[in-house]
Amino acid sequence: MEREARDRRRAVVSPATDGGVGGGGDPGVDRELLGWWMLVMEGFHAVQDVLVSELAEHFNLSRGSAEVLVRLLTAPKHRMPMTRLALETRMSSGGFTKVADRLCAAGLTRRLTCAEDRRLVYLELTDQGRETARAISQAVTEVLRARVLAPLGRDGAGRLAETMRALQDAVDAPGK
C-alpha cells in the first residue's frame, strides 16, 4: 500500500504527456508545478507528523508549545518578547496567548515585564522549562537525523533550509 502511494506521488511530477506545459488541458494550470508543491507539502507533513507524535507521546505537549520552548532555549537569557515569539511561530496573538498561558500554568515559562517599557512582555523559561526544552530538542534532533539527514544528507538538508528561507523571505517581503 505504501509503495502504491509512492508510485502515485511520483506520477504527479512526471512530465505532461498532453503536449502542454504541464497544463493538462486546463488553461493557466501548471500540473508539474502543482505536483512539485504537493510533494513539498507531503514531505513536510510526513516529518511533522512523526515529530508531533513523538512530542505528544513523550512530553504531552502540542507542536506549538514545543516549538516555543525550543525557541526560548536558543534565545539569549532563554527569553523573548511574546510578540516576536508569536510572529516567529506564525501564531495569532490570541492563539499564542493560549499557548503561553498553558506553558506558564505548567511551570515551564513565566511572563516578565520589561523594566524600560511596560508594554513589552517577555516569555522566559523556568528551570523546569529549560530541562524540558533540552529534552524536546534532543528528541526532535533524533527524529530529524532519521527522517531528514538520513535521506538528504547534511548538504541536502542545508539546501532545503536555505530554499525554505528564500520562500519565507519572498512571502514576508514588503508589498508581497
C-alpha atoms as a PDB file:
ATOM      1  CA  MET A   1       0.000   0.000   0.000  1.00  0.00           C
ATOM      2  CA  GLU A   2       2.851   2.381   0.846  1.00  0.00           C
ATOM      3  CA  ARG A   3       4.557   1.535  -2.449  1.00  0.00           C
ATOM      4  CA  GLU A   4       1.328   2.315  -4.281  1.00  0.00           C
ATOM      5  CA  ALA A   5       1.179   5.734  -2.594  1.00  0.00           C
ATOM      6  CA  ARG A   6       4.844   6.430  -3.524  1.00  0.00           C
ATOM      7  CA  ASP A   7       4.183   5.466  -7.134  1.00  0.00           C
ATOM      8  CA  ARG A   8       1.152   7.754  -7.219  1.00  0.00           C
ATOM      9  CA  ARG A   9       3.218  10.653  -5.822  1.00  0.00           C
ATOM     10  CA  ARG A  10       5.985  10.081  -8.364  1.00  0.00           C
ATOM     11  CA  ALA A  11       3.399  10.113 -11.144  1.00  0.00           C
ATOM     12  CA  VAL A  12       2.265  13.572 -10.013  1.00  0.00           C
ATOM     13  CA  VAL A  13       5.583  15.125 -11.032  1.00  0.00           C
ATOM     14  CA  SER A  14       6.103  13.226 -14.264  1.00  0.00           C
ATOM     15  CA  PRO A  15       6.253  15.455 -17.331  1.00  0.00           C
ATOM     16  CA  ALA A  16       2.995  16.265 -19.060  1.00  0.00           C
ATOM     17  CA  THR A  17       2.158  13.956 -21.931  1.00  0.00           C
ATOM     18  CA  ASP A  18      -0.553  16.132 -23.444  1.00  0.00           C
ATOM     19  CA  GLY A  19       1.860  18.397 -25.307  1.00  0.00           C
ATOM     20  CA  GLY A  20       1.216  21.288 -22.934  1.00  0.00           C
ATOM     21  CA  VAL A  21       3.477  22.797 -20.317  1.00  0.00           C
ATOM     22  CA  GLY A  22       2.119  20.653 -17.524  1.00  0.00           C
ATOM     23  CA  GLY A  23      -1.311  22.198 -18.036  1.00  0.00           C
ATOM     24  CA  GLY A  24      -3.239  19.018 -18.722  1.00  0.00           C
ATOM     25  CA  GLY A  25      -5.646  20.976 -20.922  1.00  0.00           C
ATOM     26  CA  ASP A  26      -6.570  23.438 -18.158  1.00  0.00           C
ATOM     27  CA  PRO A  27      -5.523  26.963 -19.190  1.00  0.00           C
ATOM     28  CA  GLY A  28      -3.388  28.644 -16.533  1.00  0.00           C
ATOM     29  CA  VAL A  29      -2.819  25.389 -14.617  1.00  0.00           C
ATOM     30  CA  ASP A  30       0.725  24.076 -14.391  1.00  0.00           C
ATOM     31  CA  ARG A  31       0.295  20.486 -13.226  1.00  0.00           C
ATOM     32  CA  GLU A  32       4.022  19.947 -12.861  1.00  0.00           C
ATOM     33  CA  LEU A  33       4.347  22.969 -10.548  1.00  0.00           C
ATOM     34  CA  LEU A  34       1.314  21.838  -8.551  1.00  0.00           C
ATOM     35  CA  GLY A  35       2.801  18.349  -8.313  1.00  0.00           C
ATOM     36  CA  TRP A  36       6.104  19.706  -7.006  1.00  0.00           C
ATOM     37  CA  TRP A  37       4.310  21.750  -4.372  1.00  0.00           C
ATOM     38  CA  MET A  38       2.191  18.778  -3.280  1.00  0.00           C
ATOM     39  CA  LEU A  39       5.381  16.738  -2.835  1.00  0.00           C
ATOM     40  CA  VAL A  40       6.922  19.532  -0.739  1.00  0.00           C
ATOM     41  CA  MET A  41       3.832  19.596   1.471  1.00  0.00           C
ATOM     42  CA  GLU A  42       3.616  15.805   1.722  1.00  0.00           C
ATOM     43  CA  GLY A  43       7.277  15.574   2.726  1.00  0.00           C
ATOM     44  CA  PHE A  44       6.907  18.321   5.304  1.00  0.00           C
ATOM     45  CA  HIS A  45       3.732  16.822   6.780  1.00  0.00           C
ATOM     46  CA  ALA A  46       5.230  13.327   6.895  1.00  0.00           C
ATOM     47  CA  VAL A  47       8.162  14.528   9.032  1.00  0.00           C
ATOM     48  CA  GLN A  48       5.973  16.921  11.045  1.00  0.00           C
ATOM     49  CA  ASP A  49       3.501  14.124  11.872  1.00  0.00           C
ATOM     50  CA  VAL A  50       6.342  11.990  13.254  1.00  0.00           C
ATOM     51  CA  LEU A  51       7.602  14.931  15.319  1.00  0.00           C
ATOM     52  CA  VAL A  52       4.172  15.794  16.697  1.00  0.00           C
ATOM     53  CA  SER A  53       3.521  12.147  17.625  1.00  0.00           C
ATOM     54  CA  GLU A  54       6.893  11.897  19.353  1.00  0.00           C
ATOM     55  CA  LEU A  55       6.326  15.099  21.320  1.00  0.00           C
ATOM     56  CA  ALA A  56       2.782  14.172  22.304  1.00  0.00           C
ATOM     57  CA  GLU A  57       3.855  10.699  23.416  1.00  0.00           C
ATOM     58  CA  HIS A  58       6.871  11.720  25.491  1.00  0.00           C
ATOM     59  CA  PHE A  59       6.075  15.256  26.639  1.00  0.00           C
ATOM     60  CA  ASN A  60       2.293  15.683  26.396  1.00  0.00           C
ATOM     61  CA  LEU A  61       2.824  18.949  24.519  1.00  0.00           C
ATOM     62  CA  SER A  62       1.359  20.349  21.344  1.00  0.00           C
ATOM     63  CA  ARG A  63       3.581  21.276  18.411  1.00  0.00           C
ATOM     64  CA  GLY A  64       3.136  24.963  19.191  1.00  0.00           C
ATOM     65  CA  SER A  65       4.139  24.587  22.826  1.00  0.00           C
ATOM     66  CA  ALA A  66       7.186  22.509  21.960  1.00  0.00           C
ATOM     67  CA  GLU A  67       8.292  24.993  19.298  1.00  0.00           C
ATOM     68  CA  VAL A  68       8.022  27.892  21.749  1.00  0.00           C
ATOM     69  CA  LEU A  69      10.117  26.030  24.336  1.00  0.00           C
ATOM     70  CA  VAL A  70      12.837  25.198  21.793  1.00  0.00           C
ATOM     71  CA  ARG A  71      12.924  28.787  20.507  1.00  0.00           C
ATOM     72  CA  LEU A  72      13.275  30.071  24.075  1.00  0.00           C
ATOM     73  CA  LEU A  73      16.060  27.582  24.769  1.00  0.00           C
ATOM     74  CA  THR A  74      18.136  29.076  21.944  1.00  0.00           C
ATOM     75  CA  ALA A  75      17.298  32.719  22.778  1.00  0.00           C
ATOM     76  CA  PRO A  76      19.579  34.971  24.837  1.00  0.00           C
ATOM     77  CA  LYS A  77      18.788  34.570  28.547  1.00  0.00           C
ATOM     78  CA  HIS A  78      16.161  31.984  27.472  1.00  0.00           C
ATOM     79  CA  ARG A  79      13.581  34.700  26.905  1.00  0.00           C
ATOM     80  CA  MET A  80      11.949  36.572  24.045  1.00  0.00           C
ATOM     81  CA  PRO A  81       9.252  39.202  23.637  1.00  0.00           C
ATOM     82  CA  MET A  82       5.875  37.488  23.318  1.00  0.00           C
ATOM     83  CA  THR A  83       5.010  39.463  20.180  1.00  0.00           C
ATOM     84  CA  ARG A  84       8.196  38.251  18.479  1.00  0.00           C
ATOM     85  CA  LEU A  85       7.539  34.645  19.513  1.00  0.00           C
ATOM     86  CA  ALA A  86       4.024  34.857  18.107  1.00  0.00           C
ATOM     87  CA  LEU A  87       5.381  36.191  14.797  1.00  0.00           C
ATOM     88  CA  GLU A  88       8.159  33.606  14.528  1.00  0.00           C
ATOM     89  CA  THR A  89       5.808  30.723  15.255  1.00  0.00           C
ATOM     90  CA  ARG A  90       3.205  32.215  12.910  1.00  0.00           C
ATOM     91  CA  MET A  91       0.515  32.104  15.581  1.00  0.00           C
ATOM     92  CA  SER A  92      -2.195  34.685  16.036  1.00  0.00           C
ATOM     93  CA  SER A  93      -1.803  36.819  19.153  1.00  0.00           C
ATOM     94  CA  GLY A  94      -4.845  35.103  20.694  1.00  0.00           C
ATOM     95  CA  GLY A  95      -3.572  31.632  19.832  1.00  0.00           C
ATOM     96  CA  PHE A  96      -0.133  32.449  21.158  1.00  0.00           C
ATOM     97  CA  THR A  97      -1.575  33.835  24.399  1.00  0.00           C
ATOM     98  CA  LYS A  98      -3.333  30.496  24.990  1.00  0.00           C
ATOM     99  CA  VAL A  99      -0.078  28.596  24.406  1.00  0.00           C
ATOM    100  CA  ALA A 100       1.789  30.960  26.751  1.00  0.00           C
ATOM    101  CA  ASP A 101      -0.953  30.570  29.394  1.00  0.00           C
ATOM    102  CA  ARG A 102      -0.633  26.764  29.257  1.00  0.00           C
ATOM    103  CA  LEU A 103       3.169  26.891  29.431  1.00  0.00           C
ATOM    104  CA  CYS A 104       3.044  29.244  32.433  1.00  0.00           C
ATOM    105  CA  ALA A 105       0.409  27.114  34.182  1.00  0.00           C
ATOM    106  CA  ALA A 106       2.627  24.047  33.656  1.00  0.00           C
ATOM    107  CA  GLY A 107       5.549  25.854  35.299  1.00  0.00           C
ATOM    108  CA  LEU A 108       7.653  25.760  32.119  1.00  0.00           C
ATOM    109  CA  THR A 109       7.671  29.519  31.440  1.00  0.00           C
ATOM    110  CA  ARG A 110       6.930  32.802  33.172  1.00  0.00           C
ATOM    111  CA  ARG A 111       5.980  36.245  31.922  1.00  0.00           C
ATOM    112  CA  LEU A 112       8.284  39.188  32.651  1.00  0.00           C
ATOM    113  CA  THR A 113       7.500  42.833  32.058  1.00  0.00           C
ATOM    114  CA  CYS A 114      10.323  44.927  30.624  1.00  0.00           C
ATOM    115  CA  ALA A 115      11.562  47.476  33.168  1.00  0.00           C
ATOM    116  CA  GLU A 116      12.158  50.117  30.451  1.00  0.00           C
ATOM    117  CA  ASP A 117       8.894  49.580  28.557  1.00  0.00           C
ATOM    118  CA  ARG A 118       5.946  48.100  30.453  1.00  0.00           C
ATOM    119  CA  ARG A 119       4.182  47.362  27.156  1.00  0.00           C
ATOM    120  CA  LEU A 120       6.869  44.788  26.334  1.00  0.00           C
ATOM    121  CA  VAL A 121       6.250  41.371  27.904  1.00  0.00           C
ATOM    122  CA  TYR A 122       8.793  38.584  27.728  1.00  0.00           C
ATOM    123  CA  LEU A 123       8.195  34.867  27.962  1.00  0.00           C
ATOM    124  CA  GLU A 124      11.079  33.192  29.799  1.00  0.00           C
ATOM    125  CA  LEU A 125      11.921  29.568  30.524  1.00  0.00           C
ATOM    126  CA  THR A 126      11.891  28.408  34.107  1.00  0.00           C
ATOM    127  CA  ASP A 127      14.471  25.858  35.285  1.00  0.00           C
ATOM    128  CA  GLN A 128      11.925  23.107  34.624  1.00  0.00           C
ATOM    129  CA  GLY A 129      11.215  24.662  31.215  1.00  0.00           C
ATOM    130  CA  ARG A 130      14.931  24.588  30.321  1.00  0.00           C
ATOM    131  CA  GLU A 131      15.141  20.901  31.221  1.00  0.00           C
ATOM    132  CA  THR A 132      12.012  20.130  29.221  1.00  0.00           C
ATOM    133  CA  ALA A 133      13.188  22.213  26.237  1.00  0.00           C
ATOM    134  CA  ARG A 134      16.544  20.381  26.228  1.00  0.00           C
ATOM    135  CA  ALA A 135      14.792  17.003  26.279  1.00  0.00           C
ATOM    136  CA  ILE A 136      12.446  18.112  23.473  1.00  0.00           C
ATOM    137  CA  SER A 137      15.409  19.370  21.431  1.00  0.00           C
ATOM    138  CA  GLN A 138      17.140  16.006  21.823  1.00  0.00           C
ATOM    139  CA  ALA A 139      14.008  14.106  20.752  1.00  0.00           C
ATOM    140  CA  VAL A 140      13.472  16.393  17.749  1.00  0.00           C
ATOM    141  CA  THR A 141      17.139  16.028  16.792  1.00  0.00           C
ATOM    142  CA  GLU A 142      16.806  12.229  16.770  1.00  0.00           C
ATOM    143  CA  VAL A 143      13.748  12.369  14.511  1.00  0.00           C
ATOM    144  CA  LEU A 144      15.391  14.895  12.181  1.00  0.00           C
ATOM    145  CA  ARG A 145      18.544  12.800  11.905  1.00  0.00           C
ATOM    146  CA  ALA A 146      16.488   9.756  10.936  1.00  0.00           C
ATOM    147  CA  ARG A 147      13.868  11.459   8.744  1.00  0.00           C
ATOM    148  CA  VAL A 148      15.746  14.405   7.204  1.00  0.00           C
ATOM    149  CA  LEU A 149      19.518  13.911   7.421  1.00  0.00           C
ATOM    150  CA  ALA A 150      19.490  10.213   6.538  1.00  0.00           C
ATOM    151  CA  PRO A 151      17.699  10.665   3.190  1.00  0.00           C
ATOM    152  CA  LEU A 152      19.050  14.142   2.280  1.00  0.00           C
ATOM    153  CA  GLY A 153      22.492  14.313   3.875  1.00  0.00           C
ATOM    154  CA  ARG A 154      23.803  17.401   5.651  1.00  0.00           C
ATOM    155  CA  ASP A 155      24.299  19.343   2.395  1.00  0.00           C
ATOM    156  CA  GLY A 156      20.807  18.491   1.151  1.00  0.00           C
ATOM    157  CA  ALA A 157      19.237  19.452   4.467  1.00  0.00           C
ATOM    158  CA  GLY A 158      21.138  22.751   4.385  1.00  0.00           C
ATOM    159  CA  ARG A 159      19.945  23.461   0.829  1.00  0.00           C
ATOM    160  CA  LEU A 160      16.390  22.632   1.874  1.00  0.00           C
ATOM    161  CA  ALA A 161      16.629  25.087   4.784  1.00  0.00           C
ATOM    162  CA  GLU A 162      18.068  27.798   2.504  1.00  0.00           C
ATOM    163  CA  THR A 163      15.303  27.202  -0.031  1.00  0.00           C
ATOM    164  CA  MET A 164      12.592  27.446   2.614  1.00  0.00           C
ATOM    165  CA  ARG A 165      14.189  30.653   3.977  1.00  0.00           C
ATOM    166  CA  ALA A 166      14.083  32.122   0.449  1.00  0.00           C
ATOM    167  CA  LEU A 167      10.371  31.257   0.205  1.00  0.00           C
ATOM    168  CA  GLN A 168       9.680  32.778   3.614  1.00  0.00           C
ATOM    169  CA  ASP A 169      11.606  35.939   2.735  1.00  0.00           C
ATOM    170  CA  ALA A 170       9.717  36.247  -0.563  1.00  0.00           C
ATOM    171  CA  VAL A 171       6.364  35.967   1.205  1.00  0.00           C
ATOM    172  CA  ASP A 172       7.341  38.269   4.077  1.00  0.00           C
ATOM    173  CA  ALA A 173       8.855  40.954   1.812  1.00  0.00           C
ATOM    174  CA  PRO A 174       7.025  44.297   1.931  1.00  0.00           C
ATOM    175  CA  GLY A 175       4.458  44.668  -0.816  1.00  0.00           C
ATOM    176  CA  LYS A 176       4.021  40.934  -1.378  1.00  0.00           C
END
